[in-house]
Amino acid sequence: MFSDDFALFTSDPHSLQTQLDCTNNYSKMWGLKINAKKTKLCIFERKNRNNCVWTIHNNPLEVVNNFAYLGIKFSSNGMFNDAIKALN
């Protein structure tokens, strides 16, 4: 069984790994598995976080510039231009 569609938010890049670890441990406790290959991160910040690496099962997670969550398109620049275009 796999977990599906959830989001984590934090203002601290280091606490994100803690959240990921807690979510992974909770999922394992209930027989769920997070697919690290399908898990993406989107950083909503102007600072470049290329030096940070977040992992699940010791597998690094991909950082993307945009993604769709529950049908809404999000962009790392904080703008919703793509979401608005998709509605028209």
N, C-alpha and C. Protein backbone atom coordinates (compact mmCIF):
# COMPACT_ATOMS: atom_id res chain seq x y z
N MET A 1 0.84 -1.17 0.00
CA MET A 1 0.00 0.00 0.00
C MET A 1 0.89 1.24 0.00
N PHE A 2 0.47 2.28 -0.69
CA PHE A 2 1.25 3.51 -0.80
C PHE A 2 0.46 4.69 -0.26
N SER A 3 1.16 5.65 0.34
CA SER A 3 0.50 6.90 0.73
C SER A 3 0.34 7.75 -0.52
N ASP A 4 -0.59 8.68 -0.49
CA ASP A 4 -0.91 9.41 -1.70
C ASP A 4 -1.24 10.86 -1.39
N ASP A 5 -0.65 11.77 -2.14
CA ASP A 5 -0.99 13.19 -2.12
C ASP A 5 -1.04 13.83 -0.74
N PHE A 6 0.09 14.22 -0.25
CA PHE A 6 0.13 15.04 0.96
C PHE A 6 1.21 16.11 0.78
N ALA A 7 1.11 17.15 1.57
CA ALA A 7 2.06 18.26 1.47
C ALA A 7 2.59 18.59 2.86
N LEU A 8 3.86 18.96 2.90
CA LEU A 8 4.49 19.43 4.13
C LEU A 8 4.95 20.86 3.90
N PHE A 9 4.78 21.70 4.90
CA PHE A 9 5.21 23.09 4.79
C PHE A 9 6.05 23.45 6.00
N THR A 10 7.09 24.23 5.75
CA THR A 10 7.93 24.72 6.84
C THR A 10 8.66 25.97 6.37
N SER A 11 9.04 26.80 7.30
CA SER A 11 9.85 27.97 6.96
C SER A 11 11.32 27.71 7.25
N ASP A 12 11.62 26.54 7.76
CA ASP A 12 13.00 26.18 8.12
C ASP A 12 13.44 24.96 7.31
N PRO A 13 14.45 25.11 6.46
CA PRO A 13 14.87 23.99 5.62
C PRO A 13 15.33 22.76 6.40
N HIS A 14 15.86 22.96 7.59
CA HIS A 14 16.34 21.82 8.38
C HIS A 14 15.19 21.04 9.00
N SER A 15 14.11 21.74 9.35
CA SER A 15 12.96 21.03 9.93
C SER A 15 12.23 20.21 8.88
N LEU A 16 12.42 20.51 7.60
CA LEU A 16 11.78 19.72 6.55
C LEU A 16 12.25 18.28 6.61
N GLN A 17 13.54 18.05 6.82
CA GLN A 17 14.03 16.67 6.91
C GLN A 17 13.41 15.95 8.10
N THR A 18 13.25 16.66 9.21
CA THR A 18 12.60 16.07 10.38
C THR A 18 11.16 15.70 10.06
N GLN A 19 10.44 16.58 9.35
CA GLN A 19 9.07 16.29 8.95
C GLN A 19 9.01 15.07 8.02
N LEU A 20 9.94 15.03 7.08
CA LEU A 20 10.00 13.89 6.15
C LEU A 20 10.25 12.59 6.90
N ASP A 21 11.18 12.62 7.85
CA ASP A 21 11.50 11.42 8.63
C ASP A 21 10.30 10.98 9.47
N CYS A 22 9.63 11.92 10.11
CA CYS A 22 8.45 11.59 10.93
C CYS A 22 7.33 11.02 10.07
N THR A 23 7.11 11.64 8.91
CA THR A 23 6.07 11.15 8.00
C THR A 23 6.41 9.75 7.50
N ASN A 24 7.67 9.54 7.17
CA ASN A 24 8.10 8.22 6.70
C ASN A 24 7.93 7.17 7.79
N ASN A 25 8.33 7.49 9.02
CA ASN A 25 8.20 6.55 10.13
C ASN A 25 6.74 6.24 10.42
N TYR A 26 5.88 7.25 10.40
CA TYR A 26 4.45 7.06 10.63
C TYR A 26 3.86 6.18 9.52
N SER A 27 4.25 6.44 8.30
CA SER A 27 3.76 5.66 7.17
C SER A 27 4.15 4.19 7.31
N LYS A 28 5.42 3.96 7.67
CA LYS A 28 5.89 2.58 7.85
C LYS A 28 5.12 1.86 8.95
N MET A 29 4.81 2.60 10.02
CA MET A 29 4.08 2.02 11.14
C MET A 29 2.71 1.49 10.69
N TRP A 30 2.12 2.13 9.69
CA TRP A 30 0.80 1.73 9.20
C TRP A 30 0.87 0.94 7.89
N GLY A 31 2.06 0.48 7.54
CA GLY A 31 2.21 -0.37 6.37
C GLY A 31 2.19 0.38 5.05
N LEU A 32 2.45 1.67 5.09
CA LEU A 32 2.49 2.49 3.88
C LEU A 32 3.93 2.75 3.49
N LYS A 33 4.16 3.01 2.22
CA LYS A 33 5.51 3.31 1.75
C LYS A 33 5.47 4.57 0.89
N ILE A 34 6.38 5.50 1.18
CA ILE A 34 6.50 6.72 0.38
C ILE A 34 7.47 6.43 -0.77
N ASN A 35 7.04 6.69 -1.96
CA ASN A 35 7.87 6.46 -3.14
C ASN A 35 8.78 7.68 -3.34
N ALA A 36 10.05 7.54 -2.99
CA ALA A 36 10.99 8.66 -3.08
C ALA A 36 11.17 9.14 -4.51
N LYS A 37 11.02 8.25 -5.49
CA LYS A 37 11.19 8.65 -6.89
C LYS A 37 10.05 9.55 -7.37
N LYS A 38 8.88 9.41 -6.75
CA LYS A 38 7.74 10.23 -7.13
C LYS A 38 7.57 11.46 -6.24
N THR A 39 8.35 11.53 -5.16
CA THR A 39 8.25 12.64 -4.22
C THR A 39 9.06 13.82 -4.71
N LYS A 40 8.44 14.99 -4.75
CA LYS A 40 9.10 16.20 -5.25
C LYS A 40 9.05 17.29 -4.19
N LEU A 41 10.03 18.16 -4.24
CA LEU A 41 10.08 19.33 -3.35
C LEU A 41 10.01 20.59 -4.19
N CYS A 42 9.29 21.56 -3.71
CA CYS A 42 9.25 22.87 -4.37
C CYS A 42 9.55 23.91 -3.29
N ILE A 43 10.59 24.69 -3.51
CA ILE A 43 11.04 25.67 -2.53
C ILE A 43 10.44 27.02 -2.90
N PHE A 44 9.61 27.57 -2.02
CA PHE A 44 8.98 28.87 -2.25
C PHE A 44 9.80 29.94 -1.54
N GLU A 45 10.94 30.24 -2.13
CA GLU A 45 11.87 31.19 -1.50
C GLU A 45 12.81 31.72 -2.55
N ARG A 46 13.25 32.94 -2.38
CA ARG A 46 14.17 33.53 -3.34
C ARG A 46 15.59 33.00 -3.20
N LYS A 47 15.94 32.60 -1.98
CA LYS A 47 17.30 32.09 -1.74
C LYS A 47 17.48 30.76 -2.46
N ASN A 48 18.66 30.56 -2.95
CA ASN A 48 18.97 29.30 -3.64
C ASN A 48 19.34 28.25 -2.59
N ARG A 49 18.64 27.13 -2.61
CA ARG A 49 18.88 26.05 -1.64
C ARG A 49 19.58 24.86 -2.29
N ASN A 50 20.42 25.11 -3.29
CA ASN A 50 21.09 24.01 -3.98
C ASN A 50 21.99 23.20 -3.06
N ASN A 51 22.42 23.79 -1.95
CA ASN A 51 23.31 23.06 -1.05
C ASN A 51 22.55 22.14 -0.09
N CYS A 52 21.21 22.24 -0.05
CA CYS A 52 20.41 21.38 0.82
C CYS A 52 19.97 20.14 0.05
N VAL A 53 20.03 19.01 0.72
CA VAL A 53 19.56 17.75 0.14
C VAL A 53 18.62 17.12 1.17
N TRP A 54 17.41 16.80 0.72
CA TRP A 54 16.44 16.13 1.57
C TRP A 54 16.25 14.71 1.06
N THR A 55 15.99 13.79 1.98
CA THR A 55 15.93 12.38 1.59
C THR A 55 14.74 11.67 2.21
N ILE A 56 14.35 10.57 1.57
CA ILE A 56 13.45 9.56 2.12
C ILE A 56 14.10 8.22 1.82
N HIS A 57 14.19 7.36 2.81
CA HIS A 57 14.87 6.06 2.67
C HIS A 57 16.31 6.27 2.19
N ASN A 58 16.95 7.34 2.58
CA ASN A 58 18.31 7.70 2.16
C ASN A 58 18.42 7.99 0.66
N ASN A 59 17.29 8.19 0.00
CA ASN A 59 17.28 8.57 -1.42
C ASN A 59 17.03 10.06 -1.52
N PRO A 60 17.89 10.80 -2.23
CA PRO A 60 17.67 12.24 -2.38
C PRO A 60 16.39 12.53 -3.15
N LEU A 61 15.70 13.60 -2.75
CA LEU A 61 14.46 14.00 -3.39
C LEU A 61 14.73 15.10 -4.42
N GLU A 62 13.97 15.06 -5.50
CA GLU A 62 14.13 16.04 -6.57
C GLU A 62 13.46 17.36 -6.20
N VAL A 63 14.17 18.46 -6.44
CA VAL A 63 13.62 19.80 -6.24
C VAL A 63 13.12 20.30 -7.59
N VAL A 64 11.85 20.72 -7.64
CA VAL A 64 11.24 21.17 -8.89
C VAL A 64 10.83 22.64 -8.76
N ASN A 65 10.64 23.29 -9.90
CA ASN A 65 10.22 24.70 -9.92
C ASN A 65 8.71 24.86 -9.88
N ASN A 66 7.97 23.81 -10.25
CA ASN A 66 6.51 23.90 -10.19
C ASN A 66 5.93 22.50 -10.08
N PHE A 67 4.67 22.43 -9.62
CA PHE A 67 4.00 21.16 -9.47
C PHE A 67 2.50 21.41 -9.35
N ALA A 68 1.73 20.37 -9.57
CA ALA A 68 0.28 20.44 -9.38
C ALA A 68 -0.08 19.65 -8.14
N TYR A 69 -0.89 20.24 -7.29
CA TYR A 69 -1.35 19.57 -6.07
C TYR A 69 -2.86 19.75 -5.97
N LEU A 70 -3.56 18.64 -5.98
CA LEU A 70 -5.03 18.65 -5.93
C LEU A 70 -5.62 19.55 -7.00
N GLY A 71 -5.01 19.52 -8.18
CA GLY A 71 -5.52 20.26 -9.33
C GLY A 71 -5.08 21.71 -9.43
N ILE A 72 -4.33 22.20 -8.47
CA ILE A 72 -3.85 23.59 -8.49
C ILE A 72 -2.37 23.59 -8.84
N LYS A 73 -1.99 24.44 -9.79
CA LYS A 73 -0.59 24.53 -10.19
C LYS A 73 0.14 25.56 -9.32
N PHE A 74 1.20 25.10 -8.67
CA PHE A 74 2.03 25.94 -7.82
C PHE A 74 3.37 26.18 -8.50
N SER A 75 3.94 27.35 -8.29
CA SER A 75 5.24 27.70 -8.86
C SER A 75 6.14 28.21 -7.75
N SER A 76 7.43 27.88 -7.84
CA SER A 76 8.38 28.28 -6.80
C SER A 76 8.51 29.79 -6.68
N ASN A 77 8.10 30.55 -7.71
CA ASN A 77 8.17 32.01 -7.61
C ASN A 77 6.98 32.60 -6.85
N GLY A 78 6.05 31.73 -6.43
CA GLY A 78 4.91 32.19 -5.64
C GLY A 78 3.77 32.75 -6.48
N MET A 79 3.94 32.79 -7.78
CA MET A 79 2.90 33.33 -8.65
C MET A 79 1.95 32.21 -9.07
N PHE A 80 0.72 32.57 -9.35
CA PHE A 80 -0.29 31.59 -9.76
C PHE A 80 -0.69 31.79 -11.22
N ASN A 81 0.22 32.33 -12.04
CA ASN A 81 -0.08 32.57 -13.45
C ASN A 81 -0.47 31.29 -14.17
N ASP A 82 0.25 30.20 -13.95
CA ASP A 82 -0.06 28.93 -14.60
C ASP A 82 -1.41 28.40 -14.13
N ALA A 83 -1.72 28.57 -12.85
CA ALA A 83 -3.00 28.11 -12.33
C ALA A 83 -4.15 28.90 -12.95
N ILE A 84 -3.95 30.19 -13.11
CA ILE A 84 -4.98 31.04 -13.71
C ILE A 84 -5.18 30.67 -15.17
N LYS A 85 -4.07 30.45 -15.89
CA LYS A 85 -4.17 30.04 -17.30
C LYS A 85 -4.93 28.73 -17.44
N ALA A 86 -4.69 27.82 -16.53
CA ALA A 86 -5.34 26.50 -16.59
C ALA A 86 -6.84 26.61 -16.37
N LEU A 87 -7.29 27.62 -15.64
CA LEU A 87 -8.71 27.81 -15.38
C LEU A 87 -9.43 28.43 -16.58
N ASN A 88 -8.70 29.13 -17.43
CA ASN A 88 -9.34 29.80 -18.58
C ASN A 88 -9.52 28.88 -19.75
